[in-house]
Protein backbone atom coordinates (compact mmCIF):
# COMPACT_ATOMS: atom_id res chain seq x y z
CA MET A 1 36.13 -7.46 18.43
CA LEU A 2 34.26 -9.42 21.06
CA PRO A 3 30.76 -11.08 19.93
CA MET A 4 28.65 -8.73 21.80
CA LEU A 5 25.43 -6.96 21.94
CA VAL A 6 25.54 -3.38 21.00
CA GLU A 7 23.94 -0.28 22.46
CA ALA A 8 24.26 3.44 21.28
CA ALA A 9 24.73 5.84 24.22
CA PRO A 10 24.27 9.34 22.21
CA ALA A 11 25.29 12.66 22.84
CA LYS A 12 22.69 14.67 24.98
CA VAL A 13 22.33 18.50 24.00
CA ASN A 14 20.68 21.02 25.83
CA LEU A 15 18.85 23.27 23.63
CA TYR A 16 17.87 25.70 26.18
CA LEU A 17 18.29 25.29 29.85
CA ARG A 18 16.58 27.33 32.59
CA VAL A 19 17.60 27.29 36.72
CA LEU A 20 14.04 27.35 38.67
CA GLY A 21 15.13 27.17 41.97
CA ARG A 22 16.52 25.29 44.38
CA ARG A 23 15.51 22.40 47.02
CA ALA A 24 16.14 22.09 50.28
CA ASP A 25 18.07 19.05 49.76
CA GLY A 26 20.73 21.60 47.03
CA TYR A 27 19.79 19.62 44.09
CA HIS A 28 18.48 22.65 41.51
CA LEU A 29 15.24 22.59 39.27
CA LEU A 30 15.58 22.61 35.69
CA ASP A 31 13.82 23.41 32.97
CA SER A 32 15.54 22.05 29.49
CA LEU A 33 14.54 20.98 26.17
CA VAL A 34 17.06 18.09 25.50
CA VAL A 35 17.66 16.03 22.11
CA PHE A 36 20.28 13.86 21.00
CA ALA A 37 23.10 13.96 18.28
CA ALA A 38 23.44 11.09 16.07
CA MET A 39 27.03 10.53 17.57
CA GLY A 40 27.71 9.47 20.70
CA ASP A 41 29.65 6.83 22.93
CA THR A 42 29.04 2.69 22.06
CA LEU A 43 28.69 0.20 25.10
CA GLN A 44 28.96 -3.42 24.33
CA ALA A 45 28.19 -6.34 26.37
CA ALA A 46 28.69 -10.25 26.44
CA PRO A 47 27.96 -12.96 28.88
CA ALA A 48 30.61 -13.34 31.84
CA GLU A 49 30.88 -14.93 35.04
CA ALA A 50 31.55 -11.39 36.84
CA LEU A 51 30.87 -7.87 35.87
CA SER A 52 33.81 -6.26 34.41
CA LEU A 53 34.40 -2.81 32.36
CA GLU A 54 37.13 -2.02 29.77
CA ILE A 55 37.21 1.28 28.13
CA ALA A 56 38.82 2.15 24.74
CA GLY A 57 38.44 4.96 22.16
CA PRO A 58 39.69 8.64 21.80
CA PHE A 59 38.59 9.81 25.04
CA ALA A 60 39.56 6.40 27.40
CA ALA A 61 42.40 7.85 29.31
CA ALA A 62 40.41 10.78 30.70
CA LEU A 63 37.73 8.27 32.06
CA ALA A 64 38.50 5.81 35.20
CA GLY A 65 37.53 2.17 34.68
CA GLY A 66 37.11 1.54 38.27
CA ALA A 67 34.41 0.46 40.68
CA GLU A 68 32.96 3.92 40.70
CA ASN A 69 32.51 4.12 36.92
CA LEU A 70 29.15 5.17 36.01
CA VAL A 71 28.47 2.21 33.86
CA LEU A 72 29.74 -0.14 36.71
CA ARG A 73 27.43 1.27 39.08
CA ALA A 74 24.28 1.20 36.77
CA GLY A 75 24.98 -2.22 36.22
CA ARG A 76 25.36 -3.29 39.86
CA ALA A 77 22.05 -0.93 40.85
CA LEU A 78 20.44 -2.52 38.38
CA ALA A 79 21.45 -6.63 39.15
CA ALA A 80 20.33 -5.43 42.79
CA ALA A 81 17.13 -4.23 41.39
CA ALA A 82 15.92 -7.14 39.69
CA GLY A 83 17.70 -9.78 42.36
CA VAL A 84 20.28 -11.01 39.77
CA ALA A 85 23.77 -11.34 39.58
CA PRO A 86 25.73 -8.92 37.89
CA ARG A 87 27.66 -10.64 35.02
CA GLY A 88 28.83 -9.24 31.83
CA ARG A 89 32.06 -8.43 29.93
CA LEU A 90 31.21 -4.89 29.26
CA LEU A 91 33.06 -2.72 26.41
CA LEU A 92 32.82 1.26 26.56
CA THR A 93 33.89 2.88 23.33
CA LYS A 94 34.64 6.80 24.38
CA ARG A 95 33.85 8.78 21.94
CA LEU A 96 32.50 11.91 23.85
CA PRO A 97 34.74 14.46 25.85
CA VAL A 98 34.60 13.92 29.66
CA ALA A 99 32.75 16.71 31.62
CA SER A 100 31.50 18.16 28.69
CA GLY A 101 27.88 19.40 28.82
CA ILE A 102 26.72 16.54 26.54
CA GLY A 103 26.05 13.92 29.19
CA GLY A 104 28.88 11.52 28.81
CA GLY A 105 28.53 9.81 31.82
CA SER A 106 24.85 9.88 31.67
CA THR A 107 24.25 8.40 28.29
CA ASP A 108 27.17 6.12 29.11
CA ALA A 109 24.64 4.80 32.25
CA ALA A 110 21.29 4.70 30.82
CA ALA A 111 23.40 2.95 27.92
CA ALA A 112 24.16 0.18 30.58
CA LEU A 113 20.85 -0.07 31.76
CA ARG A 114 18.91 -0.75 28.64
CA LEU A 115 21.97 -3.03 27.54
CA LEU A 116 22.37 -5.18 30.68
CA SER A 117 18.45 -5.40 30.70
CA ARG A 118 18.58 -7.02 27.59
CA LEU A 119 21.57 -9.32 27.95
CA TRP A 120 19.80 -10.69 31.64
CA ARG A 121 16.39 -10.56 29.90
CA LEU A 122 14.90 -8.52 32.42
CA ASP A 123 11.72 -6.82 32.00
CA LEU A 124 11.60 -4.15 35.17
CA PRO A 125 8.31 -1.95 35.36
CA ALA A 126 8.74 1.41 34.11
CA ALA A 127 8.58 3.48 37.31
CA ARG A 128 11.05 1.23 38.72
CA ARG A 129 13.36 1.98 36.11
CA ALA A 130 12.72 5.56 36.05
CA ALA A 131 13.71 5.57 40.09
CA LEU A 132 16.93 3.65 39.21
CA ALA A 133 17.61 6.03 36.61
CA ALA A 134 16.99 8.85 38.71
CA SER A 135 19.16 7.86 41.42
CA LEU A 136 22.08 7.15 39.15
CA GLY A 137 22.32 11.18 37.98
CA ALA A 138 20.01 14.26 37.03
CA ASP A 139 20.83 13.38 33.19
CA VAL A 140 20.33 9.87 33.46
CA PRO A 141 16.20 9.53 33.08
CA VAL A 142 16.59 11.67 30.18
CA CYS A 143 19.32 9.58 28.40
CA LEU A 144 17.63 6.51 29.16
CA ALA A 145 14.31 7.73 27.04
CA GLY A 146 16.90 8.68 24.44
CA ARG A 147 14.38 10.59 22.26
CA PRO A 148 13.75 14.42 22.33
CA THR A 149 12.36 15.49 25.64
CA ARG A 150 11.56 18.43 27.86
CA MET A 151 12.69 17.70 30.87
CA GLY A 152 11.90 19.17 34.54
CA GLY A 153 12.25 18.92 37.94
CA VAL A 154 15.72 17.85 39.11
CA GLY A 155 16.07 15.91 35.70
CA GLU A 156 13.24 13.09 36.71
CA VAL A 157 10.05 15.03 35.40
CA LEU A 158 10.10 13.47 31.53
CA ALA A 159 7.47 15.41 29.01
CA SER A 160 6.72 15.18 25.33
CA PRO A 161 8.50 18.17 23.68
CA PRO A 162 7.53 20.63 20.50
CA ALA A 163 7.37 19.06 17.33
CA LEU A 164 10.75 19.91 16.53
CA PRO A 165 11.81 20.67 12.85
CA ARG A 166 14.52 19.23 10.20
CA CYS A 167 18.24 20.70 11.58
CA GLY A 168 21.34 20.08 11.87
CA LEU A 169 23.95 20.33 14.72
CA VAL A 170 27.69 21.29 15.19
CA LEU A 171 29.46 20.47 18.44
CA ALA A 172 32.39 21.93 19.32
CA ASN A 173 34.29 21.59 22.63
CA PRO A 174 37.92 23.55 23.63
CA GLY A 175 39.55 20.66 24.96
CA ALA A 176 38.35 21.95 28.81
CA ALA A 177 36.67 19.60 31.35
CA VAL A 178 34.44 21.94 33.30
CA SER A 179 33.44 21.02 37.12
CA THR A 180 29.02 20.93 37.16
CA ALA A 181 29.37 21.95 40.82
CA ALA A 182 32.01 24.91 40.06
CA VAL A 183 29.27 26.42 37.58
CA PHE A 184 26.50 26.09 39.73
CA ARG A 185 28.30 27.78 42.92
CA ALA A 186 29.33 30.44 40.14
CA ARG A 187 25.50 31.07 39.47
CA ALA A 188 24.58 31.33 43.43
CA GLU A 189 24.05 34.77 43.50
CA ARG A 190 21.93 35.37 40.12
CA PRO A 191 18.00 34.84 40.22
CA PHE A 192 16.25 32.27 39.55
CA ALA A 193 14.12 32.02 36.00
CA ALA A 194 10.53 30.90 35.28
CA ALA A 195 9.85 28.09 33.08
CA ALA A 196 10.06 28.73 29.22
CA GLU A 197 6.84 29.13 27.51
CA LEU A 198 7.19 27.03 24.30
CA PRO A 199 5.04 26.58 21.05
CA PRO A 200 3.34 23.45 20.20
CA GLY A 201 6.06 23.04 17.48
CA TRP A 202 8.35 24.84 14.82
CA THR A 203 7.81 24.93 11.18
CA ASP A 204 11.29 25.14 10.63
CA ALA A 205 15.29 25.47 12.22
CA ALA A 206 15.28 29.21 11.85
CA ALA A 207 12.02 29.73 13.79
CA MET A 208 13.35 27.42 16.43
CA ALA A 209 16.48 29.13 16.68
CA ARG A 210 14.88 32.80 17.57
CA ASP A 211 13.02 31.39 20.30
CA LEU A 212 15.58 29.30 21.38
CA ALA A 213 17.95 32.48 21.46
CA GLY A 214 15.40 34.22 23.50
CA ILE A 215 15.30 31.36 25.96
CA GLY A 216 19.00 31.14 26.99
CA ASN A 217 21.37 28.71 28.95
CA ASP A 218 21.15 30.07 32.32
CA LEU A 219 24.16 28.35 33.29
CA GLN A 220 26.28 30.11 30.16
CA ALA A 221 27.39 32.97 31.99
CA PRO A 222 28.49 31.51 35.11
CA ALA A 223 30.28 28.70 32.78
CA LEU A 224 32.01 31.58 31.01
CA GLU A 225 33.60 32.76 34.58
CA VAL A 226 35.02 29.27 35.27
CA CYS A 227 36.04 28.58 31.74
CA PRO A 228 36.59 31.94 29.97
CA VAL A 229 37.33 29.74 26.56
CA ILE A 230 33.86 29.11 25.88
CA ALA A 231 33.55 32.35 24.71
CA GLY A 232 35.56 31.81 21.80
CA VAL A 233 34.16 28.31 21.16
CA LEU A 234 30.89 30.61 20.76
CA ALA A 235 32.14 32.84 18.59
CA ALA A 236 34.15 30.50 16.40
CA LEU A 237 30.58 28.90 15.82
CA ARG A 238 28.80 31.85 15.00
CA ARG A 239 30.88 33.19 12.70
CA LEU A 240 30.64 29.56 10.81
CA PRO A 241 28.18 30.01 7.71
CA GLY A 242 24.49 28.99 8.22
CA CYS A 243 24.57 29.27 11.90
CA LEU A 244 21.25 30.35 13.03
CA LEU A 245 22.42 29.94 17.00
CA ALA A 246 24.83 28.92 18.85
CA GLN A 247 24.79 28.36 22.70
CA MET A 248 26.12 25.98 25.38
CA SER A 249 24.76 22.80 26.53
CA GLY A 250 24.42 21.75 29.93
CA SER A 251 27.22 23.22 32.36
CA GLY A 252 29.80 23.31 29.33
CA ALA A 253 32.20 23.47 27.79
CA THR A 254 30.50 21.94 24.78
CA CYS A 255 28.65 24.53 22.92
CA PHE A 256 26.64 23.97 19.77
CA ALA A 257 25.21 25.62 16.98
CA LEU A 258 22.00 25.09 14.73
CA PHE A 259 22.09 24.83 11.27
CA ALA A 260 19.17 24.28 8.46
CA ASP A 261 20.13 20.84 7.63
CA PRO A 262 22.35 18.24 8.70
CA MET A 263 24.65 18.54 5.69
CA ALA A 264 25.30 22.00 6.36
CA ALA A 265 26.71 21.52 9.76
CA GLU A 266 28.25 18.40 8.82
CA ARG A 267 30.23 20.73 6.34
CA SER A 268 30.53 23.84 8.59
CA ALA A 269 32.04 21.09 11.34
CA ALA A 270 35.07 20.07 8.85
CA SER A 271 35.90 23.79 8.63
CA LEU A 272 36.54 24.18 12.22
CA ASP A 273 40.10 22.99 12.70
CA VAL A 274 41.36 24.26 16.18
CA PRO A 275 44.24 22.12 17.62
CA GLY A 276 43.07 20.67 20.91
CA TRP A 277 39.38 20.92 19.75
CA TRP A 278 36.66 18.25 19.59
CA THR A 279 34.03 18.94 16.70
CA TRP A 280 31.00 17.16 15.24
CA GLY A 281 28.16 18.05 12.79
CA GLY A 282 25.43 16.37 11.58
CA ALA A 283 21.75 15.29 12.29
CA LEU A 284 19.75 14.52 15.63
CA ALA A 285 19.71 11.00 16.29
CA PRO A 286 16.64 9.52 14.97
């Protein structure tokens, strides 16, 4: 291990997702309640003469480490915005599956912005940080915030969420990478939705699950057309004892199950022993 600064890059979970419309430039307008799991990738940084990236971990082989990697793009963009030289030795431990609907690349880019700001001792104004994050991808602003958030616009409009109850999550991915663009193409003929009506908060996970079930994920049906194995993941999650709700996150293929508490989620995840699947269970990130 290198003597490095460390930044967590937690998994992003869309508890619901509605597609409200499409702008003239092709970007879709969204409404989503985003939370973060207490697990994810880890990014480390140490001083160096040039900016470089090494990738390790169980999903390292699925991720290109070249100049177009989103972590390096984030670092170069931050350096340009701050007027500093892009320097640092980065080590990304990749624990999240790639192209899986839980913001792996976006949360890594957001971690790079936070971590390199510390390494380079930067203090960019909040508006500049937000604009920089938005330029890197639709999910990067909410991942930069790193806390439960209601996300709107094309990902750049962030608002306070309802009060969330104590709960647990199980995440499951069947080992299939899903193209977000392909999912949006598959839903192209479907009507747009209205923004969800949410209460000020939920007293318990069961009440939250009931409301979320009525809102859903507008990308789930088209994702099932693109990647039919998602149906098996949802069915397996719904069979777990104590499962309150099972839906897809983002554009898939990762799905989540909501539980009353983190210990129940952890036990249920341990029982999901399917060859080729990636699973995790536990709490929301603090």
